[in-house]
């Protein structure tokens, strides 16, 4: 084994690279969410879709189990991503002309 300080520096470098990739994926996800918001606005759909939210949570828990990781942690990540998605979609809808923004208002989670 090498010097612990060098080993930690290498591992921290790897973590920084992983974080860079992870944050780029989150950015890409939010760009996709902007397009989702545009489609929902055109269709007159509400931002929050309870069935979809439940499915995302189920998928997160299944992925955690698949990899031997904590389900609650993955579900919390999914919840944070969905909360940001709702904020982004609402921003997209607020920026559309009034005629395009005449669809149903956001409904509370059920």
PDB file of N, CA and C in Angstrom:
ATOM      1  N   UNK A   1       0.846  -1.185   0.000  1.00  0.00           N
ATOM      2  CA  UNK A   1       0.000   0.000   0.000  1.00  0.00           C
ATOM      3  C   UNK A   1       0.889   1.244   0.000  1.00  0.00           C
ATOM      4  N   UNK A   2       0.392   2.272  -0.666  1.00  0.00           N
ATOM      5  CA  UNK A   2       1.141   3.506  -0.753  1.00  0.00           C
ATOM      6  C   UNK A   2       0.863   4.431   0.420  1.00  0.00           C
ATOM      7  N   UNK A   3       1.313   5.620   0.262  1.00  0.00           N
ATOM      8  CA  UNK A   3       1.107   6.654   1.261  1.00  0.00           C
ATOM      9  C   UNK A   3      -0.389   6.965   1.370  1.00  0.00           C
ATOM     10  N   UNK A   4      -0.935   6.934   2.610  1.00  0.00           N
ATOM     11  CA  UNK A   4      -2.373   7.192   2.777  1.00  0.00           C
ATOM     12  C   UNK A   4      -2.805   8.551   2.231  1.00  0.00           C
ATOM     13  N   UNK A   5      -1.959   9.553   2.364  1.00  0.00           N
ATOM     14  CA  UNK A   5      -2.324  10.888   1.853  1.00  0.00           C
ATOM     15  C   UNK A   5      -2.454  10.878   0.328  1.00  0.00           C
ATOM     16  N   UNK A   6      -1.546  10.182  -0.337  1.00  0.00           N
ATOM     17  CA  UNK A   6      -1.610  10.075  -1.797  1.00  0.00           C
ATOM     18  C   UNK A   6      -2.840   9.265  -2.221  1.00  0.00           C
ATOM     19  N   UNK A   7      -3.080   8.190  -1.481  1.00  0.00           N
ATOM     20  CA  UNK A   7      -4.236   7.354  -1.789  1.00  0.00           C
ATOM     21  C   UNK A   7      -5.536   8.132  -1.623  1.00  0.00           C
ATOM     22  N   UNK A   8      -5.629   8.906  -0.540  1.00  0.00           N
ATOM     23  CA  UNK A   8      -6.818   9.742  -0.325  1.00  0.00           C
ATOM     24  C   UNK A   8      -6.948  10.798  -1.405  1.00  0.00           C
ATOM     25  N   UNK A   9      -5.836  11.402  -1.793  1.00  0.00           N
ATOM     26  CA  UNK A   9      -5.877  12.416  -2.854  1.00  0.00           C
ATOM     27  C   UNK A   9      -6.393  11.804  -4.152  1.00  0.00           C
ATOM     28  N   UNK A  10      -5.917  10.601  -4.473  1.00  0.00           N
ATOM     29  CA  UNK A  10      -6.390   9.920  -5.687  1.00  0.00           C
ATOM     30  C   UNK A  10      -7.886   9.618  -5.606  1.00  0.00           C
ATOM     31  N   UNK A  11      -8.305   9.095  -4.459  1.00  0.00           N
ATOM     32  CA  UNK A  11      -9.725   8.767  -4.287  1.00  0.00           C
ATOM     33  C   UNK A  11     -10.587  10.024  -4.341  1.00  0.00           C
ATOM     34  N   UNK A  12     -10.120  11.096  -3.739  1.00  0.00           N
ATOM     35  CA  UNK A  12     -10.879  12.351  -3.788  1.00  0.00           C
ATOM     36  C   UNK A  12     -10.952  12.894  -5.205  1.00  0.00           C
ATOM     37  N   UNK A  13      -9.894  12.698  -5.968  1.00  0.00           N
ATOM     38  CA  UNK A  13      -9.924  13.083  -7.382  1.00  0.00           C
ATOM     39  C   UNK A  13     -10.979  12.294  -8.137  1.00  0.00           C
ATOM     40  N   UNK A  14     -11.071  10.986  -7.840  1.00  0.00           N
ATOM     41  CA  UNK A  14     -12.094  10.151  -8.461  1.00  0.00           C
ATOM     42  C   UNK A  14     -13.488  10.629  -8.075  1.00  0.00           C
ATOM     43  N   UNK A  15     -13.656  10.964  -6.785  1.00  0.00           N
ATOM     44  CA  UNK A  15     -14.963  11.466  -6.335  1.00  0.00           C
ATOM     45  C   UNK A  15     -15.320  12.767  -7.046  1.00  0.00           C
ATOM     46  N   UNK A  16     -14.341  13.656  -7.222  1.00  0.00           N
ATOM     47  CA  UNK A  16     -14.602  14.908  -7.929  1.00  0.00           C
ATOM     48  C   UNK A  16     -15.051  14.649  -9.368  1.00  0.00           C
ATOM     49  N   UNK A  17     -14.416  13.677 -10.028  1.00  0.00           N
ATOM     50  CA  UNK A  17     -14.809  13.339 -11.398  1.00  0.00           C
ATOM     51  C   UNK A  17     -16.222  12.753 -11.440  1.00  0.00           C
ATOM     52  N   UNK A  18     -16.533  11.901 -10.473  1.00  0.00           N
ATOM     53  CA  UNK A  18     -17.877  11.319 -10.396  1.00  0.00           C
ATOM     54  C   UNK A  18     -18.910  12.418 -10.149  1.00  0.00           C
ATOM     55  N   UNK A  19     -18.596  13.338  -9.231  1.00  0.00           N
ATOM     56  CA  UNK A  19     -19.520  14.446  -8.955  1.00  0.00           C
ATOM     57  C   UNK A  19     -19.737  15.301 -10.193  1.00  0.00           C
ATOM     58  N   UNK A  20     -18.687  15.571 -10.941  1.00  0.00           N
ATOM     59  CA  UNK A  20     -18.815  16.356 -12.170  1.00  0.00           C
ATOM     60  C   UNK A  20     -19.777  15.665 -13.135  1.00  0.00           C
ATOM     61  N   UNK A  21     -19.608  14.346 -13.300  1.00  0.00           N
ATOM     62  CA  UNK A  21     -20.493  13.591 -14.193  1.00  0.00           C
ATOM     63  C   UNK A  21     -21.915  13.568 -13.652  1.00  0.00           C
ATOM     64  N   UNK A  22     -22.062  13.373 -12.342  1.00  0.00           N
ATOM     65  CA  UNK A  22     -23.386  13.328 -11.715  1.00  0.00           C
ATOM     66  C   UNK A  22     -24.123  14.650 -11.899  1.00  0.00           C
ATOM     67  N   UNK A  23     -23.437  15.754 -11.650  1.00  0.00           N
ATOM     68  CA  UNK A  23     -24.083  17.062 -11.780  1.00  0.00           C
ATOM     69  C   UNK A  23     -24.411  17.373 -13.237  1.00  0.00           C
ATOM     70  N   UNK A  24     -23.588  16.898 -14.160  1.00  0.00           N
ATOM     71  CA  UNK A  24     -23.903  17.079 -15.583  1.00  0.00           C
ATOM     72  C   UNK A  24     -25.165  16.305 -15.945  1.00  0.00           C
ATOM     73  N   UNK A  25     -25.331  15.113 -15.381  1.00  0.00           N
ATOM     74  CA  UNK A  25     -26.547  14.335 -15.633  1.00  0.00           C
ATOM     75  C   UNK A  25     -27.778  15.020 -15.041  1.00  0.00           C
ATOM     76  N   UNK A  26     -27.629  15.604 -13.858  1.00  0.00           N
ATOM     77  CA  UNK A  26     -28.755  16.333 -13.253  1.00  0.00           C
ATOM     78  C   UNK A  26     -29.109  17.537 -14.129  1.00  0.00           C
ATOM     79  N   UNK A  27     -28.091  18.237 -14.631  1.00  0.00           N
ATOM     80  CA  UNK A  27     -28.345  19.361 -15.546  1.00  0.00           C
ATOM     81  C   UNK A  27     -29.102  18.877 -16.772  1.00  0.00           C
ATOM     82  N   UNK A  28     -28.667  17.758 -17.353  1.00  0.00           N
ATOM     83  CA  UNK A  28     -29.344  17.214 -18.533  1.00  0.00           C
ATOM     84  C   UNK A  28     -30.779  16.819 -18.201  1.00  0.00           C
ATOM     85  N   UNK A  29     -30.980  16.283 -16.999  1.00  0.00           N
ATOM     86  CA  UNK A  29     -32.332  15.904 -16.568  1.00  0.00           C
ATOM     87  C   UNK A  29     -33.221  17.142 -16.499  1.00  0.00           C
ATOM     88  N   UNK A  30     -32.702  18.234 -15.962  1.00  0.00           N
ATOM     89  CA  UNK A  30     -33.500  19.460 -15.838  1.00  0.00           C
ATOM     90  C   UNK A  30     -33.804  20.058 -17.209  1.00  0.00           C
ATOM     91  N   UNK A  31     -32.885  19.934 -18.134  1.00  0.00           N
ATOM     92  CA  UNK A  31     -33.166  20.408 -19.502  1.00  0.00           C
ATOM     93  C   UNK A  31     -34.292  19.588 -20.124  1.00  0.00           C
ATOM     94  N   UNK A  32     -34.295  18.294 -19.861  1.00  0.00           N
ATOM     95  CA  UNK A  32     -35.385  17.439 -20.344  1.00  0.00           C
ATOM     96  C   UNK A  32     -36.696  17.828 -19.659  1.00  0.00           C
ATOM     97  N   UNK A  33     -36.621  18.140 -18.362  1.00  0.00           N
ATOM     98  CA  UNK A  33     -37.808  18.565 -17.607  1.00  0.00           C
ATOM     99  C   UNK A  33     -38.385  19.849 -18.198  1.00  0.00           C
ATOM    100  N   UNK A  34     -37.540  20.749 -18.669  1.00  0.00           N
ATOM    101  CA  UNK A  34     -38.047  21.965 -19.320  1.00  0.00           C
ATOM    102  C   UNK A  34     -38.920  21.588 -20.511  1.00  0.00           C
ATOM    103  N   UNK A  35     -38.472  20.608 -21.283  1.00  0.00           N
ATOM    104  CA  UNK A  35     -39.260  20.164 -22.444  1.00  0.00           C
ATOM    105  C   UNK A  35     -40.541  19.479 -22.002  1.00  0.00           C
ATOM    106  N   UNK A  36     -40.470  18.712 -20.901  1.00  0.00           N
ATOM    107  CA  UNK A  36     -41.676  18.087 -20.343  1.00  0.00           C
ATOM    108  C   UNK A  36     -42.687  19.179 -19.985  1.00  0.00           C
ATOM    109  N   UNK A  37     -42.217  20.249 -19.336  1.00  0.00           N
ATOM    110  CA  UNK A  37     -43.100  21.355 -18.959  1.00  0.00           C
ATOM    111  C   UNK A  37     -43.765  21.988 -20.170  1.00  0.00           C
ATOM    112  N   UNK A  38     -43.018  22.124 -21.264  1.00  0.00           N
ATOM    113  CA  UNK A  38     -43.598  22.692 -22.482  1.00  0.00           C
ATOM    114  C   UNK A  38     -44.693  21.791 -23.043  1.00  0.00           C
ATOM    115  N   UNK A  39     -44.445  20.493 -23.039  1.00  0.00           N
ATOM    116  CA  UNK A  39     -45.447  19.543 -23.542  1.00  0.00           C
ATOM    117  C   UNK A  39     -46.690  19.569 -22.660  1.00  0.00           C
ATOM    118  N   UNK A  40     -46.494  19.548 -21.348  1.00  0.00           N
ATOM    119  CA  UNK A  40     -47.634  19.584 -20.429  1.00  0.00           C
ATOM    120  C   UNK A  40     -48.431  20.870 -20.599  1.00  0.00           C
ATOM    121  N   UNK A  41     -47.736  21.986 -20.785  1.00  0.00           N
ATOM    122  CA  UNK A  41     -48.434  23.261 -20.969  1.00  0.00           C
ATOM    123  C   UNK A  41     -49.281  23.234 -22.239  1.00  0.00           C
ATOM    124  N   UNK A  42     -48.704  22.724 -23.323  1.00  0.00           N
ATOM    125  CA  UNK A  42     -49.456  22.643 -24.586  1.00  0.00           C
ATOM    126  C   UNK A  42     -50.666  21.729 -24.448  1.00  0.00           C
ATOM    127  N   UNK A  43     -50.533  20.684 -23.643  1.00  0.00           N
ATOM    128  CA  UNK A  43     -51.619  19.708 -23.479  1.00  0.00           C
ATOM    129  C   UNK A  43     -52.601  20.115 -22.384  1.00  0.00           C
ATOM    130  N   UNK A  44     -52.304  21.204 -21.664  1.00  0.00           N
ATOM    131  CA  UNK A  44     -53.180  21.638 -20.584  1.00  0.00           C
ATOM    132  C   UNK A  44     -53.127  20.709 -19.384  1.00  0.00           C
ATOM    133  N   UNK A  45     -52.000  20.061 -19.192  1.00  0.00           N
ATOM    134  CA  UNK A  45     -51.845  19.115 -18.081  1.00  0.00           C
ATOM    135  C   UNK A  45     -51.287  19.814 -16.848  1.00  0.00           C
ATOM    136  N   UNK A  46     -51.621  19.264 -15.678  1.00  0.00           N
ATOM    137  CA  UNK A  46     -51.070  19.768 -14.423  1.00  0.00           C
ATOM    138  C   UNK A  46     -49.601  19.375 -14.321  1.00  0.00           C
ATOM    139  N   UNK A  47     -48.842  20.187 -13.619  1.00  0.00           N
ATOM    140  CA  UNK A  47     -47.424  19.891 -13.413  1.00  0.00           C
ATOM    141  C   UNK A  47     -47.263  18.602 -12.626  1.00  0.00           C
ATOM    142  N   UNK A  48     -47.909  18.516 -11.483  1.00  0.00           N
ATOM    143  CA  UNK A  48     -47.730  17.360 -10.609  1.00  0.00           C
ATOM    144  C   UNK A  48     -48.600  16.210 -11.072  1.00  0.00           C
ATOM    145  N   UNK A  49     -47.986  15.058 -11.288  1.00  0.00           N
ATOM    146  CA  UNK A  49     -48.675  13.845 -11.724  1.00  0.00           C
ATOM    147  C   UNK A  49     -48.433  12.773 -10.652  1.00  0.00           C
ATOM    148  N   UNK A  50     -49.377  12.582  -9.714  1.00  0.00           N
ATOM    149  CA  UNK A  50     -49.146  11.657  -8.590  1.00  0.00           C
ATOM    150  C   UNK A  50     -48.740  10.246  -9.015  1.00  0.00           C
ATOM    151  N   UNK A  51     -49.327   9.729 -10.064  1.00  0.00           N
ATOM    152  CA  UNK A  51     -48.982   8.385 -10.521  1.00  0.00           C
ATOM    153  C   UNK A  51     -47.533   8.291 -10.967  1.00  0.00           C
ATOM    154  N   UNK A  52     -47.069   9.311 -11.663  1.00  0.00           N
ATOM    155  CA  UNK A  52     -45.681   9.332 -12.124  1.00  0.00           C
ATOM    156  C   UNK A  52     -44.730   9.461 -10.939  1.00  0.00           C
ATOM    157  N   UNK A  53     -45.085  10.286  -9.969  1.00  0.00           N
ATOM    158  CA  UNK A  53     -44.239  10.453  -8.791  1.00  0.00           C
ATOM    159  C   UNK A  53     -44.074   9.133  -8.056  1.00  0.00           C
ATOM    160  N   UNK A  54     -45.157   8.400  -7.893  1.00  0.00           N
ATOM    161  CA  UNK A  54     -45.099   7.106  -7.218  1.00  0.00           C
ATOM    162  C   UNK A  54     -44.228   6.123  -8.001  1.00  0.00           C
ATOM    163  N   UNK A  55     -44.329   6.156  -9.317  1.00  0.00           N
ATOM    164  CA  UNK A  55     -43.521   5.269 -10.151  1.00  0.00           C
ATOM    165  C   UNK A  55     -42.030   5.600 -10.023  1.00  0.00           C
ATOM    166  N   UNK A  56     -41.688   6.875 -10.010  1.00  0.00           N
ATOM    167  CA  UNK A  56     -40.285   7.278  -9.860  1.00  0.00           C
ATOM    168  C   UNK A  56     -39.750   6.798  -8.506  1.00  0.00           C
ATOM    169  N   UNK A  57     -40.558   6.906  -7.461  1.00  0.00           N
ATOM    170  CA  UNK A  57     -40.140   6.423  -6.142  1.00  0.00           C
ATOM    171  C   UNK A  57     -39.951   4.904  -6.142  1.00  0.00           C
ATOM    172  N   UNK A  58     -40.856   4.191  -6.777  1.00  0.00           N
ATOM    173  CA  UNK A  58     -40.725   2.721  -6.862  1.00  0.00           C
ATOM    174  C   UNK A  58     -39.453   2.335  -7.615  1.00  0.00           C
ATOM    175  N   UNK A  59     -39.193   3.030  -8.714  1.00  0.00           N
ATOM    176  CA  UNK A  59     -37.992   2.745  -9.499  1.00  0.00           C
ATOM    177  C   UNK A  59     -36.728   3.035  -8.682  1.00  0.00           C
ATOM    178  N   UNK A  60     -36.733   4.120  -7.920  1.00  0.00           N
ATOM    179  CA  UNK A  60     -35.570   4.466  -7.102  1.00  0.00           C
ATOM    180  C   UNK A  60     -35.308   3.388  -6.058  1.00  0.00           C
ATOM    181  N   UNK A  61     -36.369   2.929  -5.404  1.00  0.00           N
ATOM    182  CA  UNK A  61     -36.219   1.877  -4.390  1.00  0.00           C
ATOM    183  C   UNK A  61     -35.708   0.586  -5.037  1.00  0.00           C
ATOM    184  N   UNK A  62     -36.225   0.251  -6.204  1.00  0.00           N
ATOM    185  CA  UNK A  62     -35.793  -0.972  -6.895  1.00  0.00           C
ATOM    186  C   UNK A  62     -34.321  -0.873  -7.294  1.00  0.00           C
ATOM    187  N   UNK A  63     -33.893   0.278  -7.772  1.00  0.00           N
ATOM    188  CA  UNK A  63     -32.481   0.451  -8.156  1.00  0.00           C
ATOM    189  C   UNK A  63     -31.571   0.328  -6.936  1.00  0.00           C
ATOM    190  N   UNK A  64     -32.014   0.875  -5.809  1.00  0.00           N
ATOM    191  CA  UNK A  64     -31.226   0.756  -4.584  1.00  0.00           C
ATOM    192  C   UNK A  64     -31.071  -0.713  -4.198  1.00  0.00           C
ATOM    193  N   UNK A  65     -32.180  -1.446  -4.197  1.00  0.00           N
ATOM    194  CA  UNK A  65     -32.124  -2.880  -3.854  1.00  0.00           C
ATOM    195  C   UNK A  65     -31.206  -3.638  -4.804  1.00  0.00           C
ATOM    196  N   UNK A  66     -31.321  -3.310  -6.079  1.00  0.00           N
ATOM    197  CA  UNK A  66     -30.523  -3.965  -7.117  1.00  0.00           C
ATOM    198  C   UNK A  66     -29.025  -3.821  -6.859  1.00  0.00           C
ATOM    199  N   UNK A  67     -28.633  -2.704  -6.277  1.00  0.00           N
ATOM    200  CA  UNK A  67     -27.211  -2.415  -6.057  1.00  0.00           C
ATOM    201  C   UNK A  67     -26.796  -2.538  -4.590  1.00  0.00           C
ATOM    202  N   UNK A  68     -27.697  -3.047  -3.753  1.00  0.00           N
ATOM    203  CA  UNK A  68     -27.365  -3.227  -2.341  1.00  0.00           C
ATOM    204  C   UNK A  68     -27.194  -1.926  -1.582  1.00  0.00           C
ATOM    205  N   UNK A  69     -27.946  -0.897  -1.991  1.00  0.00           N
ATOM    206  CA  UNK A  69     -27.856   0.422  -1.359  1.00  0.00           C
ATOM    207  C   UNK A  69     -29.146   0.721  -0.594  1.00  0.00           C
ATOM    208  N   UNK A  70     -29.123   1.760   0.184  1.00  0.00           N
ATOM    209  CA  UNK A  70     -30.247   2.121   1.039  1.00  0.00           C
ATOM    210  C   UNK A  70     -31.418   2.659   0.215  1.00  0.00           C
ATOM    211  N   UNK A  71     -32.570   1.989   0.314  1.00  0.00           N
ATOM    212  CA  UNK A  71     -33.761   2.398  -0.443  1.00  0.00           C
ATOM    213  C   UNK A  71     -34.222   3.796  -0.062  1.00  0.00           C
ATOM    214  N   UNK A  72     -34.246   4.080   1.241  1.00  0.00           N
ATOM    215  CA  UNK A  72     -34.703   5.392   1.698  1.00  0.00           C
ATOM    216  C   UNK A  72     -33.868   6.518   1.127  1.00  0.00           C
ATOM    217  N   UNK A  73     -32.569   6.301   1.043  1.00  0.00           N
ATOM    218  CA  UNK A  73     -31.666   7.316   0.477  1.00  0.00           C
ATOM    219  C   UNK A  73     -32.005   7.565  -0.990  1.00  0.00           C
ATOM    220  N   UNK A  74     -32.186   6.487  -1.755  1.00  0.00           N
ATOM    221  CA  UNK A  74     -32.503   6.649  -3.167  1.00  0.00           C
ATOM    222  C   UNK A  74     -33.864   7.312  -3.362  1.00  0.00           C
ATOM    223  N   UNK A  75     -34.824   6.966  -2.532  1.00  0.00           N
ATOM    224  CA  UNK A  75     -36.146   7.590  -2.634  1.00  0.00           C
ATOM    225  C   UNK A  75     -36.037   9.083  -2.302  1.00  0.00           C
ATOM    226  N   UNK A  76     -35.229   9.430  -1.307  1.00  0.00           N
ATOM    227  CA  UNK A  76     -35.049  10.857  -0.980  1.00  0.00           C
ATOM    228  C   UNK A  76     -34.407  11.608  -2.144  1.00  0.00           C
ATOM    229  N   UNK A  77     -33.442  10.987  -2.812  1.00  0.00           N
ATOM    230  CA  UNK A  77     -32.849  11.615  -4.002  1.00  0.00           C
ATOM    231  C   UNK A  77     -33.927  11.818  -5.063  1.00  0.00           C
ATOM    232  N   UNK A  78     -34.736  10.786  -5.297  1.00  0.00           N
ATOM    233  CA  UNK A  78     -35.813  10.893  -6.293  1.00  0.00           C
ATOM    234  C   UNK A  78     -36.780  12.005  -5.909  1.00  0.00           C
ATOM    235  N   UNK A  79     -37.107  12.109  -4.625  1.00  0.00           N
ATOM    236  CA  UNK A  79     -38.022  13.169  -4.167  1.00  0.00           C
ATOM    237  C   UNK A  79     -37.419  14.555  -4.419  1.00  0.00           C
ATOM    238  N   UNK A  80     -36.122  14.699  -4.161  1.00  0.00           N
ATOM    239  CA  UNK A  80     -35.475  15.994  -4.415  1.00  0.00           C
ATOM    240  C   UNK A  80     -35.468  16.321  -5.902  1.00  0.00           C
ATOM    241  N   UNK A  81     -35.195  15.313  -6.732  1.00  0.00           N
ATOM    242  CA  UNK A  81     -35.215  15.540  -8.173  1.00  0.00           C
ATOM    243  C   UNK A  81     -36.617  15.929  -8.645  1.00  0.00           C
ATOM    244  N   UNK A  82     -37.636  15.276  -8.088  1.00  0.00           N
ATOM    245  CA  UNK A  82     -39.015  15.609  -8.484  1.00  0.00           C
ATOM    246  C   UNK A  82     -39.410  17.000  -8.002  1.00  0.00           C
ATOM    247  N   UNK A  83     -38.982  17.383  -6.801  1.00  0.00           N
ATOM    248  CA  UNK A  83     -39.295  18.724  -6.299  1.00  0.00           C
ATOM    249  C   UNK A  83     -38.682  19.784  -7.212  1.00  0.00           C
ATOM    250  N   UNK A  84     -37.447  19.554  -7.629  1.00  0.00           N
ATOM    251  CA  UNK A  84     -36.808  20.504  -8.546  1.00  0.00           C
ATOM    252  C   UNK A  84     -37.484  20.463  -9.909  1.00  0.00           C
ATOM    253  N   UNK A  85     -37.911  19.293 -10.336  1.00  0.00           N
ATOM    254  CA  UNK A  85     -38.617  19.184 -11.615  1.00  0.00           C
ATOM    255  C   UNK A  85     -39.909  19.996 -11.592  1.00  0.00           C
ATOM    256  N   UNK A  86     -40.637  19.923 -10.492  1.00  0.00           N
ATOM    257  CA  UNK A  86     -41.870  20.694 -10.360  1.00  0.00           C
ATOM    258  C   UNK A  86     -41.562  22.184 -10.434  1.00  0.00           C
ATOM    259  N   UNK A  87     -40.514  22.619  -9.738  1.00  0.00           N
ATOM    260  CA  UNK A  87     -40.135  24.036  -9.770  1.00  0.00           C
ATOM    261  C   UNK A  87     -39.792  24.463 -11.192  1.00  0.00           C
ATOM    262  N   UNK A  88     -39.018  23.639 -11.905  1.00  0.00           N
ATOM    263  CA  UNK A  88     -38.615  23.967 -13.273  1.00  0.00           C
ATOM    264  C   UNK A  88     -39.828  23.995 -14.193  1.00  0.00           C
ATOM    265  N   UNK A  89     -40.705  22.995 -14.082  1.00  0.00           N
ATOM    266  CA  UNK A  89     -41.898  22.962 -14.937  1.00  0.00           C
ATOM    267  C   UNK A  89     -42.786  24.177 -14.677  1.00  0.00           C
ATOM    268  N   UNK A  90     -42.960  24.541 -13.409  1.00  0.00           N
ATOM    269  CA  UNK A  90     -43.786  25.717 -13.094  1.00  0.00           C
ATOM    270  C   UNK A  90     -43.169  26.988 -13.673  1.00  0.00           C
ATOM    271  N   UNK A  91     -41.838  27.086 -13.636  1.00  0.00           N
ATOM    272  CA  UNK A  91     -41.155  28.236 -14.225  1.00  0.00           C
ATOM    273  C   UNK A  91     -41.397  28.283 -15.727  1.00  0.00           C
ATOM    274  N   UNK A  92     -41.315  27.128 -16.388  1.00  0.00           N
ATOM    275  CA  UNK A  92     -41.563  27.051 -17.827  1.00  0.00           C
ATOM    276  C   UNK A  92     -42.985  27.508 -18.121  1.00  0.00           C
ATOM    277  N   UNK A  93     -43.942  27.013 -17.363  1.00  0.00           N
ATOM    278  CA  UNK A  93     -45.348  27.372 -17.598  1.00  0.00           C
ATOM    279  C   UNK A  93     -45.605  28.849 -17.337  1.00  0.00           C
ATOM    280  N   UNK A  94     -44.930  29.412 -16.332  1.00  0.00           N
ATOM    281  CA  UNK A  94     -45.100  30.833 -16.030  1.00  0.00           C
ATOM    282  C   UNK A  94     -44.552  31.721 -17.136  1.00  0.00           C
ATOM    283  N   UNK A  95     -43.611  31.204 -17.919  1.00  0.00           N
ATOM    284  CA  UNK A  95     -42.993  32.000 -18.982  1.00  0.00           C
ATOM    285  C   UNK A  95     -43.751  31.926 -20.300  1.00  0.00           C
ATOM    286  N   UNK A  96     -44.743  31.045 -20.382  1.00  0.00           N
ATOM    287  CA  UNK A  96     -45.502  30.909 -21.620  1.00  0.00           C
ATOM    288  C   UNK A  96     -46.566  31.993 -21.704  1.00  0.00           C
ATOM    289  N   UNK A  97     -46.977  32.347 -22.921  1.00  0.00           N
ATOM    290  CA  UNK A  97     -48.059  33.322 -23.075  1.00  0.00           C
ATOM    291  C   UNK A  97     -49.326  32.824 -22.377  1.00  0.00           C
ATOM    292  N   UNK A  98     -50.163  33.742 -21.882  1.00  0.00           N
ATOM    293  CA  UNK A  98     -51.368  33.345 -21.142  1.00  0.00           C
ATOM    294  C   UNK A  98     -52.251  32.331 -21.864  1.00  0.00           C
ATOM    295  N   UNK A  99     -52.410  32.433 -23.170  1.00  0.00           N
ATOM    296  CA  UNK A  99     -53.267  31.492 -23.898  1.00  0.00           C
ATOM    297  C   UNK A  99     -52.730  30.071 -23.785  1.00  0.00           C
ATOM    298  N   UNK A 100     -51.406  29.916 -23.760  1.00  0.00           N
ATOM    299  CA  UNK A 100     -50.810  28.593 -23.657  1.00  0.00           C
ATOM    300  C   UNK A 100     -50.783  28.102 -22.222  1.00  0.00           C
ATOM    301  N   UNK A 101     -51.015  29.002 -21.286  1.00  0.00           N
ATOM    302  CA  UNK A 101     -50.898  28.656 -19.865  1.00  0.00           C
ATOM    303  C   UNK A 101     -52.266  28.552 -19.221  1.00  0.00           C
ATOM    304  N   UNK A 102     -53.290  28.208 -20.005  1.00  0.00           N
ATOM    305  CA  UNK A 102     -54.653  28.188 -19.482  1.00  0.00           C
ATOM    306  C   UNK A 102     -55.058  26.829 -18.940  1.00  0.00           C
ATOM    307  N   UNK A 103     -54.117  25.902 -18.888  1.00  0.00           N
ATOM    308  CA  UNK A 103     -54.430  24.548 -18.425  1.00  0.00           C
ATOM    309  C   UNK A 103     -54.693  24.510 -16.941  1.00  0.00           C
ATOM    310  N   UNK A 104     -54.934  23.309 -16.413  1.00  0.00           N
ATOM    311  CA  UNK A 104     -55.231  23.154 -14.971  1.00  0.00           C
ATOM    312  C   UNK A 104     -54.071  23.622 -14.123  1.00  0.00           C
ATOM    313  N   UNK A 105     -54.397  24.133 -12.978  1.00  0.00           N
ATOM    314  CA  UNK A 105     -53.364  24.576 -12.034  1.00  0.00           C
ATOM    315  C   UNK A 105     -52.737  23.357 -11.379  1.00  0.00           C
ATOM    316  N   UNK A 106     -51.566  23.562 -10.811  1.00  0.00           N
ATOM    317  CA  UNK A 106     -50.864  22.497 -10.118  1.00  0.00           C
ATOM    318  C   UNK A 106     -51.708  21.989  -8.972  1.00  0.00           C
ATOM    319  N   UNK A 107     -51.852  20.671  -8.895  1.00  0.00           N
ATOM    320  CA  UNK A 107     -52.636  20.086  -7.815  1.00  0.00           C
ATOM    321  C   UNK A 107     -51.707  19.603  -6.718  1.00  0.00           C
ATOM    322  N   UNK A 108     -52.152  19.631  -5.475  1.00  0.00           N
ATOM    323  CA  UNK A 108     -51.276  19.177  -4.395  1.00  0.00           C
ATOM    324  C   UNK A 108     -51.093  17.662  -4.449  1.00  0.00           C
ATOM    325  N   UNK A 109     -49.991  17.183  -3.874  1.00  0.00           N
ATOM    326  CA  UNK A 109     -49.762  15.744  -3.877  1.00  0.00           C
ATOM    327  C   UNK A 109     -50.896  15.008  -3.158  1.00  0.00           C
ATOM    328  N   UNK A 110     -51.217  13.840  -3.670  1.00  0.00           N
ATOM    329  CA  UNK A 110     -52.239  13.012  -3.023  1.00  0.00           C
ATOM    330  C   UNK A 110     -51.690  11.662  -2.710  1.00  0.00           C
TER     331      UNK A 110
END
